[in-house]
PDB file of N, CA and C in Angstrom:
ATOM      1  N   MET A   1       9.094 -18.557  60.111  1.00  0.00           N
ATOM      2  CA  MET A   1       9.457 -17.354  59.401  1.00  0.00           C
ATOM      3  C   MET A   1      10.618 -17.673  58.467  1.00  0.00           C
ATOM      4  N   LYS A   2      10.537 -17.197  57.261  1.00  0.00           N
ATOM      5  CA  LYS A   2      11.534 -17.479  56.247  1.00  0.00           C
ATOM      6  C   LYS A   2      12.804 -16.663  56.526  1.00  0.00           C
ATOM      7  N   LYS A   3      13.916 -17.344  56.365  1.00  0.00           N
ATOM      8  CA  LYS A   3      15.202 -16.680  56.558  1.00  0.00           C
ATOM      9  C   LYS A   3      15.541 -15.849  55.307  1.00  0.00           C
ATOM     10  N   PHE A   4      15.807 -14.577  55.495  1.00  0.00           N
ATOM     11  CA  PHE A   4      16.176 -13.722  54.362  1.00  0.00           C
ATOM     12  C   PHE A   4      17.647 -13.977  54.022  1.00  0.00           C
ATOM     13  N   ASN A   5      17.923 -14.130  52.762  1.00  0.00           N
ATOM     14  CA  ASN A   5      19.331 -14.171  52.355  1.00  0.00           C
ATOM     15  C   ASN A   5      19.733 -12.837  51.775  1.00  0.00           C
ATOM     16  N   GLN A   6      20.964 -12.722  51.385  1.00  0.00           N
ATOM     17  CA  GLN A   6      21.485 -11.453  50.944  1.00  0.00           C
ATOM     18  C   GLN A   6      20.811 -10.988  49.644  1.00  0.00           C
ATOM     19  N   TYR A   7      20.340 -11.881  48.809  1.00  0.00           N
ATOM     20  CA  TYR A   7      19.677 -11.497  47.575  1.00  0.00           C
ATOM     21  C   TYR A   7      18.304 -10.878  47.853  1.00  0.00           C
ATOM     22  N   THR A   8      17.621 -11.369  48.843  1.00  0.00           N
ATOM     23  CA  THR A   8      16.321 -10.795  49.204  1.00  0.00           C
ATOM     24  C   THR A   8      16.513  -9.372  49.735  1.00  0.00           C
ATOM     25  N   ILE A   9      17.498  -9.206  50.574  1.00  0.00           N
ATOM     26  CA  ILE A   9      17.770  -7.846  51.107  1.00  0.00           C
ATOM     27  C   ILE A   9      18.176  -6.911  49.971  1.00  0.00           C
ATOM     28  N   LEU A  10      19.012  -7.413  49.047  1.00  0.00           N
ATOM     29  CA  LEU A  10      19.418  -6.607  47.900  1.00  0.00           C
ATOM     30  C   LEU A  10      18.218  -6.268  47.014  1.00  0.00           C
ATOM     31  N   GLY A  11      17.304  -7.224  46.854  1.00  0.00           N
ATOM     32  CA  GLY A  11      16.080  -6.993  46.088  1.00  0.00           C
ATOM     33  C   GLY A  11      15.217  -5.916  46.727  1.00  0.00           C
ATOM     34  N   ILE A  12      15.110  -5.939  48.060  1.00  0.00           N
ATOM     35  CA  ILE A  12      14.323  -4.919  48.764  1.00  0.00           C
ATOM     36  C   ILE A  12      14.941  -3.535  48.592  1.00  0.00           C
ATOM     37  N   VAL A  13      16.264  -3.484  48.631  1.00  0.00           N
ATOM     38  CA  VAL A  13      16.963  -2.196  48.421  1.00  0.00           C
ATOM     39  C   VAL A  13      16.680  -1.682  47.002  1.00  0.00           C
ATOM     40  N   PHE A  14      16.761  -2.572  46.026  1.00  0.00           N
ATOM     41  CA  PHE A  14      16.486  -2.159  44.649  1.00  0.00           C
ATOM     42  C   PHE A  14      15.011  -1.809  44.449  1.00  0.00           C
ATOM     43  N   LEU A  15      14.124  -2.474  45.198  1.00  0.00           N
ATOM     44  CA  LEU A  15      12.692  -2.102  45.168  1.00  0.00           C
ATOM     45  C   LEU A  15      12.478  -0.671  45.661  1.00  0.00           C
ATOM     46  N   ILE A  16      13.120  -0.349  46.754  1.00  0.00           N
ATOM     47  CA  ILE A  16      13.005   1.022  47.289  1.00  0.00           C
ATOM     48  C   ILE A  16      13.590   2.033  46.298  1.00  0.00           C
ATOM     49  N   LEU A  17      14.716   1.694  45.703  1.00  0.00           N
ATOM     50  CA  LEU A  17      15.297   2.598  44.676  1.00  0.00           C
ATOM     51  C   LEU A  17      14.411   2.723  43.469  1.00  0.00           C
ATOM     52  N   THR A  18      13.795   1.620  43.049  1.00  0.00           N
ATOM     53  CA  THR A  18      12.877   1.659  41.875  1.00  0.00           C
ATOM     54  C   THR A  18      11.669   2.547  42.165  1.00  0.00           C
ATOM     55  N   ILE A  19      11.106   2.421  43.354  1.00  0.00           N
ATOM     56  CA  ILE A  19       9.941   3.246  43.703  1.00  0.00           C
ATOM     57  C   ILE A  19      10.352   4.729  43.765  1.00  0.00           C
ATOM     58  N   SER A  20      11.513   5.010  44.360  1.00  0.00           N
ATOM     59  CA  SER A  20      11.941   6.407  44.438  1.00  0.00           C
ATOM     60  C   SER A  20      12.256   6.983  43.066  1.00  0.00           C
ATOM     61  N   PHE A  21      12.896   6.202  42.185  1.00  0.00           N
ATOM     62  CA  PHE A  21      13.178   6.676  40.843  1.00  0.00           C
ATOM     63  C   PHE A  21      11.894   6.838  40.035  1.00  0.00           C
ATOM     64  N   PHE A  22      10.914   5.954  40.295  1.00  0.00           N
ATOM     65  CA  PHE A  22       9.658   6.056  39.570  1.00  0.00           C
ATOM     66  C   PHE A  22       8.923   7.334  39.935  1.00  0.00           C
ATOM     67  N   THR A  23       8.983   7.726  41.216  1.00  0.00           N
ATOM     68  CA  THR A  23       8.349   8.985  41.616  1.00  0.00           C
ATOM     69  C   THR A  23       9.121  10.197  41.063  1.00  0.00           C
ATOM     70  N   LEU A  24      10.429  10.070  40.938  1.00  0.00           N
ATOM     71  CA  LEU A  24      11.236  11.168  40.392  1.00  0.00           C
ATOM     72  C   LEU A  24      11.058  11.284  38.873  1.00  0.00           C
ATOM     73  N   MET A  25      10.623  10.197  38.229  1.00  0.00           N
ATOM     74  CA  MET A  25      10.502  10.195  36.773  1.00  0.00           C
ATOM     75  C   MET A  25       9.506  11.247  36.289  1.00  0.00           C
ATOM     76  N   PHE A  26       8.496  11.538  37.084  1.00  0.00           N
ATOM     77  CA  PHE A  26       7.519  12.517  36.691  1.00  0.00           C
ATOM     78  C   PHE A  26       8.071  13.926  36.686  1.00  0.00           C
ATOM     79  N   ASN A  27       9.166  14.154  37.415  1.00  0.00           N
ATOM     80  CA  ASN A  27       9.769  15.472  37.480  1.00  0.00           C
ATOM     81  C   ASN A  27      10.926  15.634  36.474  1.00  0.00           C
ATOM     82  N   ASP A  28      11.627  14.532  36.172  1.00  0.00           N
ATOM     83  CA  ASP A  28      12.812  14.602  35.334  1.00  0.00           C
ATOM     84  C   ASP A  28      12.775  13.436  34.338  1.00  0.00           C
ATOM     85  N   ILE A  29      12.790  13.751  33.055  1.00  0.00           N
ATOM     86  CA  ILE A  29      12.714  12.721  32.041  1.00  0.00           C
ATOM     87  C   ILE A  29      14.018  11.900  31.986  1.00  0.00           C
ATOM     88  N   GLY A  30      15.154  12.494  32.297  1.00  0.00           N
ATOM     89  CA  GLY A  30      16.442  11.797  32.192  1.00  0.00           C
ATOM     90  C   GLY A  30      16.591  10.649  33.187  1.00  0.00           C
ATOM     91  N   ILE A  31      15.742  10.574  34.197  1.00  0.00           N
ATOM     92  CA  ILE A  31      15.864   9.560  35.208  1.00  0.00           C
ATOM     93  C   ILE A  31      15.453   8.189  34.686  1.00  0.00           C
ATOM     94  N   ILE A  32      14.754   8.125  33.551  1.00  0.00           N
ATOM     95  CA  ILE A  32      14.331   6.844  33.009  1.00  0.00           C
ATOM     96  C   ILE A  32      15.539   6.010  32.578  1.00  0.00           C
ATOM     97  N   ASN A  33      16.661   6.657  32.264  1.00  0.00           N
ATOM     98  CA  ASN A  33      17.876   5.910  31.948  1.00  0.00           C
ATOM     99  C   ASN A  33      18.348   5.092  33.162  1.00  0.00           C
ATOM    100  N   TRP A  34      18.000   5.505  34.345  1.00  0.00           N
ATOM    101  CA  TRP A  34      18.399   4.788  35.554  1.00  0.00           C
ATOM    102  C   TRP A  34      17.293   3.883  36.071  1.00  0.00           C
ATOM    103  N   LEU A  35      16.056   4.151  35.716  1.00  0.00           N
ATOM    104  CA  LEU A  35      14.933   3.391  36.242  1.00  0.00           C
ATOM    105  C   LEU A  35      14.934   1.952  35.728  1.00  0.00           C
ATOM    106  N   LEU A  36      15.112   1.767  34.429  1.00  0.00           N
ATOM    107  CA  LEU A  36      15.022   0.424  33.882  1.00  0.00           C
ATOM    108  C   LEU A  36      16.143  -0.501  34.363  1.00  0.00           C
ATOM    109  N   PRO A  37      17.421  -0.070  34.404  1.00  0.00           N
ATOM    110  CA  PRO A  37      18.436  -1.001  34.930  1.00  0.00           C
ATOM    111  C   PRO A  37      18.231  -1.359  36.389  1.00  0.00           C
ATOM    112  N   ILE A  38      17.782  -0.422  37.202  1.00  0.00           N
ATOM    113  CA  ILE A  38      17.541  -0.720  38.627  1.00  0.00           C
ATOM    114  C   ILE A  38      16.324  -1.664  38.762  1.00  0.00           C
ATOM    115  N   LEU A  39      15.335  -1.469  37.930  1.00  0.00           N
ATOM    116  CA  LEU A  39      14.184  -2.408  37.920  1.00  0.00           C
ATOM    117  C   LEU A  39      14.663  -3.798  37.490  1.00  0.00           C
ATOM    118  N   ALA A  40      15.542  -3.901  36.513  1.00  0.00           N
ATOM    119  CA  ALA A  40      16.062  -5.187  36.087  1.00  0.00           C
ATOM    120  C   ALA A  40      16.893  -5.849  37.220  1.00  0.00           C
ATOM    121  N   LEU A  41      17.697  -5.065  37.909  1.00  0.00           N
ATOM    122  CA  LEU A  41      18.472  -5.614  39.031  1.00  0.00           C
ATOM    123  C   LEU A  41      17.581  -6.082  40.141  1.00  0.00           C
ATOM    124  N   MET A  42      16.472  -5.392  40.377  1.00  0.00           N
ATOM    125  CA  MET A  42      15.523  -5.803  41.426  1.00  0.00           C
ATOM    126  C   MET A  42      14.912  -7.164  41.049  1.00  0.00           C
ATOM    127  N   VAL A  43      14.460  -7.297  39.815  1.00  0.00           N
ATOM    128  CA  VAL A  43      13.871  -8.558  39.367  1.00  0.00           C
ATOM    129  C   VAL A  43      14.916  -9.668  39.443  1.00  0.00           C
ATOM    130  N   LEU A  44      16.153  -9.396  39.043  1.00  0.00           N
ATOM    131  CA  LEU A  44      17.206 -10.393  39.085  1.00  0.00           C
ATOM    132  C   LEU A  44      17.528 -10.803  40.514  1.00  0.00           C
ATOM    133  N   ALA A  45      17.577  -9.865  41.445  1.00  0.00           N
ATOM    134  CA  ALA A  45      17.853 -10.204  42.857  1.00  0.00           C
ATOM    135  C   ALA A  45      16.766 -11.063  43.470  1.00  0.00           C
ATOM    136  N   PHE A  46      15.511 -10.726  43.210  1.00  0.00           N
ATOM    137  CA  PHE A  46      14.406 -11.519  43.745  1.00  0.00           C
ATOM    138  C   PHE A  46      14.365 -12.910  43.095  1.00  0.00           C
ATOM    139  N   THR A  47      14.679 -12.971  41.807  1.00  0.00           N
ATOM    140  CA  THR A  47      14.714 -14.264  41.114  1.00  0.00           C
ATOM    141  C   THR A  47      15.802 -15.155  41.689  1.00  0.00           C
ATOM    142  N   ILE A  48      16.963 -14.595  41.877  1.00  0.00           N
ATOM    143  CA  ILE A  48      18.075 -15.408  42.434  1.00  0.00           C
ATOM    144  C   ILE A  48      17.777 -15.820  43.868  1.00  0.00           C
ATOM    145  N   SER A  49      17.141 -14.961  44.641  1.00  0.00           N
ATOM    146  CA  SER A  49      16.823 -15.342  46.021  1.00  0.00           C
ATOM    147  C   SER A  49      15.786 -16.465  46.067  1.00  0.00           C
ATOM    148  N   TYR A  50      14.923 -16.531  45.054  1.00  0.00           N
ATOM    149  CA  TYR A  50      13.926 -17.621  44.993  1.00  0.00           C
ATOM    150  C   TYR A  50      14.540 -18.905  44.438  1.00  0.00           C
ATOM    151  N   ILE A  51      15.368 -18.787  43.405  1.00  0.00           N
ATOM    152  CA  ILE A  51      15.901 -19.938  42.721  1.00  0.00           C
ATOM    153  C   ILE A  51      17.106 -20.567  43.436  1.00  0.00           C
ATOM    154  N   ASN A  52      17.914 -19.767  44.081  1.00  0.00           N
ATOM    155  CA  ASN A  52      19.167 -20.235  44.656  1.00  0.00           C
ATOM    156  C   ASN A  52      19.021 -21.422  45.599  1.00  0.00           C
ATOM    157  N   PRO A  53      18.066 -21.454  46.534  1.00  0.00           N
ATOM    158  CA  PRO A  53      17.945 -22.629  47.395  1.00  0.00           C
ATOM    159  C   PRO A  53      17.415 -23.863  46.670  1.00  0.00           C
ATOM    160  N   LYS A  54      16.726 -23.677  45.538  1.00  0.00           N
ATOM    161  CA  LYS A  54      16.098 -24.805  44.868  1.00  0.00           C
ATOM    162  C   LYS A  54      17.001 -25.480  43.871  1.00  0.00           C
ATOM    163  N   ILE A  55      18.020 -24.790  43.390  1.00  0.00           N
ATOM    164  CA  ILE A  55      18.895 -25.349  42.360  1.00  0.00           C
ATOM    165  C   ILE A  55      20.270 -25.610  42.971  1.00  0.00           C
ATOM    166  N   GLY A  56      20.705 -26.828  42.847  1.00  0.00           N
ATOM    167  CA  GLY A  56      22.042 -27.196  43.339  1.00  0.00           C
ATOM    168  C   GLY A  56      23.029 -27.242  42.196  1.00  0.00           C
ATOM    169  N   LYS A  57      23.955 -28.171  42.307  1.00  0.00           N
ATOM    170  CA  LYS A  57      24.958 -28.317  41.244  1.00  0.00           C
ATOM    171  C   LYS A  57      24.836 -29.701  40.605  1.00  0.00           C
ATOM    172  N   ASP A  58      23.595 -30.129  40.371  1.00  0.00           N
ATOM    173  CA  ASP A  58      23.379 -31.421  39.783  1.00  0.00           C
ATOM    174  C   ASP A  58      23.010 -31.310  38.314  1.00  0.00           C
ATOM    175  N   GLU A  59      22.625 -32.423  37.725  1.00  0.00           N
ATOM    176  CA  GLU A  59      22.274 -32.464  36.316  1.00  0.00           C
ATOM    177  C   GLU A  59      21.018 -31.635  36.016  1.00  0.00           C
ATOM    178  N   ARG A  60      20.084 -31.638  36.920  1.00  0.00           N
ATOM    179  CA  ARG A  60      18.854 -30.870  36.752  1.00  0.00           C
ATOM    180  C   ARG A  60      19.148 -29.377  36.654  1.00  0.00           C
ATOM    181  N   ALA A  61      20.042 -28.887  37.483  1.00  0.00           N
ATOM    182  CA  ALA A  61      20.403 -27.472  37.473  1.00  0.00           C
ATOM    183  C   ALA A  61      21.082 -27.096  36.153  1.00  0.00           C
ATOM    184  N   ARG A  62      21.911 -27.965  35.651  1.00  0.00           N
ATOM    185  CA  ARG A  62      22.586 -27.694  34.359  1.00  0.00           C
ATOM    186  C   ARG A  62      21.568 -27.619  33.221  1.00  0.00           C
ATOM    187  N   ILE A  63      20.587 -28.539  33.254  1.00  0.00           N
ATOM    188  CA  ILE A  63      19.552 -28.523  32.202  1.00  0.00           C
ATOM    189  C   ILE A  63      18.727 -27.256  32.290  1.00  0.00           C
ATOM    190  N   ILE A  64      18.367 -26.827  33.502  1.00  0.00           N
ATOM    191  CA  ILE A  64      17.574 -25.627  33.692  1.00  0.00           C
ATOM    192  C   ILE A  64      18.318 -24.418  33.174  1.00  0.00           C
ATOM    193  N   ARG A  65      19.569 -24.292  33.531  1.00  0.00           N
ATOM    194  CA  ARG A  65      20.374 -23.156  33.054  1.00  0.00           C
ATOM    195  C   ARG A  65      20.536 -23.169  31.540  1.00  0.00           C
ATOM    196  N   THR A  66      20.791 -24.329  30.983  1.00  0.00           N
ATOM    197  CA  THR A  66      20.996 -24.437  29.548  1.00  0.00           C
ATOM    198  C   THR A  66      19.721 -24.073  28.768  1.00  0.00           C
ATOM    199  N   LYS A  67      18.598 -24.607  29.212  1.00  0.00           N
ATOM    200  CA  LYS A  67      17.341 -24.307  28.519  1.00  0.00           C
ATOM    201  C   LYS A  67      16.945 -22.858  28.669  1.00  0.00           C
ATOM    202  N   SER A  68      17.154 -22.260  29.834  1.00  0.00           N
ATOM    203  CA  SER A  68      16.776 -20.872  30.015  1.00  0.00           C
ATOM    204  C   SER A  68      17.616 -19.941  29.143  1.00  0.00           C
ATOM    205  N   VAL A  69      18.919 -20.227  29.017  1.00  0.00           N
ATOM    206  CA  VAL A  69      19.755 -19.409  28.136  1.00  0.00           C
ATOM    207  C   VAL A  69      19.374 -19.633  26.689  1.00  0.00           C
ATOM    208  N   TYR A  70      19.052 -20.882  26.328  1.00  0.00           N
ATOM    209  CA  TYR A  70      18.662 -21.207  24.967  1.00  0.00           C
ATOM    210  C   TYR A  70      17.390 -20.455  24.567  1.00  0.00           C
ATOM    211  N   TYR A  71      16.381 -20.470  25.445  1.00  0.00           N
ATOM    212  CA  TYR A  71      15.152 -19.733  25.153  1.00  0.00           C
ATOM    213  C   TYR A  71      15.351 -18.232  25.182  1.00  0.00           C
ATOM    214  N   GLY A  72      16.168 -17.790  26.095  1.00  0.00           N
ATOM    215  CA  GLY A  72      16.437 -16.337  26.219  1.00  0.00           C
ATOM    216  C   GLY A  72      17.179 -15.769  25.021  1.00  0.00           C
ATOM    217  N   PHE A  73      17.971 -16.617  24.330  1.00  0.00           N
ATOM    218  CA  PHE A  73      18.692 -16.167  23.155  1.00  0.00           C
ATOM    219  C   PHE A  73      17.732 -15.687  22.067  1.00  0.00           C
ATOM    220  N   TYR A  74      16.624 -16.368  21.869  1.00  0.00           N
ATOM    221  CA  TYR A  74      15.659 -15.964  20.847  1.00  0.00           C
ATOM    222  C   TYR A  74      14.995 -14.638  21.207  1.00  0.00           C
ATOM    223  N   PHE A  75      14.711 -14.445  22.461  1.00  0.00           N
ATOM    224  CA  PHE A  75      14.173 -13.159  22.873  1.00  0.00           C
ATOM    225  C   PHE A  75      15.181 -12.053  22.686  1.00  0.00           C
ATOM    226  N   LEU A  76      16.442 -12.318  22.972  1.00  0.00           N
ATOM    227  CA  LEU A  76      17.477 -11.315  22.767  1.00  0.00           C
ATOM    228  C   LEU A  76      17.578 -10.911  21.297  1.00  0.00           C
ATOM    229  N   ILE A  77      17.561 -11.887  20.420  1.00  0.00           N
ATOM    230  CA  ILE A  77      17.602 -11.586  18.987  1.00  0.00           C
ATOM    231  C   ILE A  77      16.395 -10.737  18.572  1.00  0.00           C
ATOM    232  N   ALA A  78      15.217 -11.069  19.093  1.00  0.00           N
ATOM    233  CA  ALA A  78      14.011 -10.296  18.782  1.00  0.00           C
ATOM    234  C   ALA A  78      14.143  -8.859  19.292  1.00  0.00           C
ATOM    235  N   TYR A  79      14.663  -8.706  20.511  1.00  0.00           N
ATOM    236  CA  TYR A  79      14.840  -7.335  21.076  1.00  0.00           C
ATOM    237  C   TYR A  79      15.823  -6.530  20.241  1.00  0.00           C
ATOM    238  N   ILE A  80      16.892  -7.164  19.788  1.00  0.00           N
ATOM    239  CA  ILE A  80      17.867  -6.437  18.973  1.00  0.00           C
ATOM    240  C   ILE A  80      17.261  -6.024  17.642  1.00  0.00           C
ATOM    241  N   ILE A  81      16.475  -6.895  17.036  1.00  0.00           N
ATOM    242  CA  ILE A  81      15.821  -6.584  15.767  1.00  0.00           C
ATOM    243  C   ILE A  81      14.837  -5.416  15.965  1.00  0.00           C
ATOM    244  N   ILE A  82      14.057  -5.458  17.030  1.00  0.00           N
ATOM    245  CA  ILE A  82      13.105  -4.381  17.311  1.00  0.00           C
ATOM    246  C   ILE A  82      13.837  -3.080  17.573  1.00  0.00           C
ATOM    247  N   ALA A  83      14.922  -3.118  18.376  1.00  0.00           N
ATOM    248  CA  ALA A  83      15.689  -1.910  18.665  1.00  0.00           C
ATOM    249  C   ALA A  83      16.323  -1.347  17.392  1.00  0.00           C
ATOM    250  N   GLY A  84      16.820  -2.235  16.548  1.00  0.00           N
ATOM    251  CA  GLY A  84      17.402  -1.765  15.300  1.00  0.00           C
ATOM    252  C   GLY A  84      16.353  -1.115  14.398  1.00  0.00           C
ATOM    253  N   GLY A  85      15.155  -1.677  14.384  1.00  0.00           N
ATOM    254  CA  GLY A  85      14.068  -1.079  13.617  1.00  0.00           C
ATOM    255  C   GLY A  85      13.671   0.273  14.142  1.00  0.00           C
ATOM    256  N   VAL A  86      13.629   0.391  15.458  1.00  0.00           N
ATOM    257  CA  VAL A  86      13.277   1.676  16.084  1.00  0.00           C
ATOM    258  C   VAL A  86      14.366   2.699  15.764  1.00  0.00           C
ATOM    259  N   ALA A  87      15.622   2.300  15.833  1.00  0.00           N
ATOM    260  CA  ALA A  87      16.710   3.221  15.536  1.00  0.00           C
ATOM    261  C   ALA A  87      16.750   3.596  14.062  1.00  0.00           C
ATOM    262  N   TYR A  88      16.444   2.646  13.185  1.00  0.00           N
ATOM    263  CA  TYR A  88      16.481   2.932  11.760  1.00  0.00           C
ATOM    264  C   TYR A  88      15.283   3.745  11.270  1.00  0.00           C
ATOM    265  N   LEU A  89      14.110   3.357  11.752  1.00  0.00           N
ATOM    266  CA  LEU A  89      12.892   4.033  11.307  1.00  0.00           C
ATOM    267  C   LEU A  89      12.563   5.280  12.080  1.00  0.00           C
ATOM    268  N   GLY A  90      13.185   5.445  13.248  1.00  0.00           N
ATOM    269  CA  GLY A  90      12.907   6.612  14.054  1.00  0.00           C
ATOM    270  C   GLY A  90      13.504   7.862  13.447  1.00  0.00           C
ATOM    271  N   ASN A  91      13.152   8.975  14.005  1.00  0.00           N
ATOM    272  CA  ASN A  91      13.714  10.223  13.519  1.00  0.00           C
ATOM    273  C   ASN A  91      15.155  10.381  14.017  1.00  0.00           C
ATOM    274  N   ASN A  92      15.754  11.493  13.721  1.00  0.00           N
ATOM    275  CA  ASN A  92      17.164  11.683  14.093  1.00  0.00           C
ATOM    276  C   ASN A  92      17.359  11.971  15.568  1.00  0.00           C
ATOM    277  N   ASN A  93      16.308  12.110  16.320  1.00  0.00           N
ATOM    278  CA  ASN A  93      16.408  12.398  17.733  1.00  0.00           C
ATOM    279  C   ASN A  93      16.354  11.145  18.607  1.00  0.00           C
ATOM    280  N   VAL A  94      16.781  10.017  18.052  1.00  0.00           N
ATOM    281  CA  VAL A  94      16.746   8.759  18.791  1.00  0.00           C
ATOM    282  C   VAL A  94      17.899   8.747  19.789  1.00  0.00           C
ATOM    283  N   ASP A  95      17.584   8.449  21.042  1.00  0.00           N
ATOM    284  CA  ASP A  95      18.597   8.367  22.082  1.00  0.00           C
ATOM    285  C   ASP A  95      19.114   6.950  22.138  1.00  0.00           C
ATOM    286  N   PHE A  96      20.315   6.707  21.627  1.00  0.00           N
ATOM    287  CA  PHE A  96      20.833   5.330  21.563  1.00  0.00           C
ATOM    288  C   PHE A  96      21.191   4.797  22.937  1.00  0.00           C
ATOM    289  N   GLN A  97      21.535   5.668  23.862  1.00  0.00           N
ATOM    290  CA  GLN A  97      21.800   5.185  25.223  1.00  0.00           C
ATOM    291  C   GLN A  97      20.523   4.640  25.847  1.00  0.00           C
ATOM    292  N   LEU A  98      19.407   5.296  25.615  1.00  0.00           N
ATOM    293  CA  LEU A  98      18.135   4.783  26.141  1.00  0.00           C
ATOM    294  C   LEU A  98      17.741   3.471  25.458  1.00  0.00           C
ATOM    295  N   ILE A  99      17.985   3.355  24.163  1.00  0.00           N
ATOM    296  CA  ILE A  99      17.682   2.091  23.461  1.00  0.00           C
ATOM    297  C   ILE A  99      18.547   0.970  24.024  1.00  0.00           C
ATOM    298  N   PHE A 100      19.838   1.245  24.221  1.00  0.00           N
ATOM    299  CA  PHE A 100      20.760   0.237  24.715  1.00  0.00           C
ATOM    300  C   PHE A 100      20.377  -0.214  26.146  1.00  0.00           C
ATOM    301  N   THR A 101      20.111   0.736  27.032  1.00  0.00           N
ATOM    302  CA  THR A 101      19.747   0.366  28.410  1.00  0.00           C
ATOM    303  C   THR A 101      18.409  -0.334  28.438  1.00  0.00           C
ATOM    304  N   THR A 102      17.493   0.043  27.565  1.00  0.00           N
ATOM    305  CA  THR A 102      16.193  -0.634  27.501  1.00  0.00           C
ATOM    306  C   THR A 102      16.361  -2.088  27.060  1.00  0.00           C
ATOM    307  N   VAL A 103      17.136  -2.324  26.018  1.00  0.00           N
ATOM    308  CA  VAL A 103      17.356  -3.679  25.521  1.00  0.00           C
ATOM    309  C   VAL A 103      18.079  -4.524  26.582  1.00  0.00           C
ATOM    310  N   CYS A 104      19.066  -3.973  27.221  1.00  0.00           N
ATOM    311  CA  CYS A 104      19.804  -4.720  28.265  1.00  0.00           C
ATOM    312  C   CYS A 104      18.881  -5.026  29.451  1.00  0.00           C
ATOM    313  N   SER A 105      18.112  -4.057  29.877  1.00  0.00           N
ATOM    314  CA  SER A 105      17.228  -4.259  31.022  1.00  0.00           C
ATOM    315  C   SER A 105      16.127  -5.269  30.730  1.00  0.00           C
ATOM    316  N   ILE A 106      15.522  -5.141  29.554  1.00  0.00           N
ATOM    317  CA  ILE A 106      14.474  -6.097  29.197  1.00  0.00           C
ATOM    318  C   ILE A 106      15.042  -7.501  29.035  1.00  0.00           C
ATOM    319  N   THR A 107      16.264  -7.588  28.552  1.00  0.00           N
ATOM    320  CA  THR A 107      16.908  -8.889  28.409  1.00  0.00           C
ATOM    321  C   THR A 107      17.158  -9.537  29.783  1.00  0.00           C
ATOM    322  N   VAL A 108      17.612  -8.781  30.746  1.00  0.00           N
ATOM    323  CA  VAL A 108      17.850  -9.312  32.088  1.00  0.00           C
ATOM    324  C   VAL A 108      16.515  -9.754  32.721  1.00  0.00           C
ATOM    325  N   ILE A 109      15.488  -8.959  32.559  1.00  0.00           N
ATOM    326  CA  ILE A 109      14.187  -9.303  33.118  1.00  0.00           C
ATOM    327  C   ILE A 109      13.631 -10.549  32.430  1.00  0.00           C
ATOM    328  N   THR A 110      13.781 -10.641  31.130  1.00  0.00           N
ATOM    329  CA  THR A 110      13.285 -11.811  30.377  1.00  0.00           C
ATOM    330  C   THR A 110      14.042 -13.071  30.790  1.00  0.00           C
ATOM    331  N   LEU A 111      15.351 -12.989  30.882  1.00  0.00           N
ATOM    332  CA  LEU A 111      16.135 -14.156  31.306  1.00  0.00           C
ATOM    333  C   LEU A 111      15.775 -14.612  32.689  1.00  0.00           C
ATOM    334  N   SER A 112      15.488 -13.662  33.586  1.00  0.00           N
ATOM    335  CA  SER A 112      15.079 -14.041  34.938  1.00  0.00           C
ATOM    336  C   SER A 112      13.731 -14.741  34.951  1.00  0.00           C
ATOM    337  N   MET A 113      12.788 -14.208  34.167  1.00  0.00           N
ATOM    338  CA  MET A 113      11.494 -14.817  34.111  1.00  0.00           C
ATOM    339  C   MET A 113      11.522 -16.198  33.430  1.00  0.00           C
ATOM    340  N   ILE A 114      12.349 -16.334  32.406  1.00  0.00           N
ATOM    341  CA  ILE A 114      12.509 -17.619  31.722  1.00  0.00           C
ATOM    342  C   ILE A 114      13.100 -18.628  32.699  1.00  0.00           C
ATOM    343  N   LEU A 115      14.074 -18.197  33.482  1.00  0.00           N
ATOM    344  CA  LEU A 115      14.686 -19.089  34.481  1.00  0.00           C
ATOM    345  C   LEU A 115      13.641 -19.576  35.477  1.00  0.00           C
ATOM    346  N   LEU A 116      12.744 -18.701  35.908  1.00  0.00           N
ATOM    347  CA  LEU A 116      11.686 -19.127  36.835  1.00  0.00           C
ATOM    348  C   LEU A 116      10.738 -20.122  36.164  1.00  0.00           C
ATOM    349  N   ILE A 117      10.376 -19.850  34.918  1.00  0.00           N
ATOM    350  CA  ILE A 117       9.434 -20.719  34.216  1.00  0.00           C
ATOM    351  C   ILE A 117      10.026 -22.089  33.993  1.00  0.00           C
ATOM    352  N   VAL A 118      11.277 -22.136  33.527  1.00  0.00           N
ATOM    353  CA  VAL A 118      11.948 -23.395  33.248  1.00  0.00           C
ATOM    354  C   VAL A 118      12.169 -24.177  34.535  1.00  0.00           C
ATOM    355  N   GLU A 119      12.488 -23.494  35.605  1.00  0.00           N
ATOM    356  CA  GLU A 119      12.659 -24.176  36.906  1.00  0.00           C
ATOM    357  C   GLU A 119      11.371 -24.787  37.388  1.00  0.00           C
ATOM    358  N   ARG A 120      10.243 -24.142  37.147  1.00  0.00           N
ATOM    359  CA  ARG A 120       8.952 -24.685  37.557  1.00  0.00           C
ATOM    360  C   ARG A 120       8.582 -25.911  36.727  1.00  0.00           C
ATOM    361  N   ARG A 121       8.991 -25.926  35.466  1.00  0.00           N
ATOM    362  CA  ARG A 121       8.652 -27.032  34.566  1.00  0.00           C
ATOM    363  C   ARG A 121       9.465 -28.270  34.873  1.00  0.00           C
ATOM    364  N   TYR A 122      10.707 -28.113  35.342  1.00  0.00           N
ATOM    365  CA  TYR A 122      11.587 -29.253  35.558  1.00  0.00           C
ATOM    366  C   TYR A 122      11.738 -29.537  37.004  1.00  0.00           C
TER     367      TYR A 122
END
């Protein structure tokens, strides 16, 4: 049986919160501002719980971190350009807090997934 670490337990807590907020989203539209960051934290916690035992403090770990941040930077630039286009071309009822939380949440999820992909390649 696999030993759970604190990140796995934290990921399960965020999973429960994500499911509860997702069910509440159908009743209240304002809850989506909280759903995306909690979803991003859930993905980040599960990613760290998977990656943490596999990556030490050696040269391989430094290369993995460097490449994942390097690749993630281009996604971040693309997300900012898309968010700017939505804010510029959208009507006057654009919720900038929702755009900001969406960009931040998608960036955290993307960086986590890139870290997993780069770790598998190296």
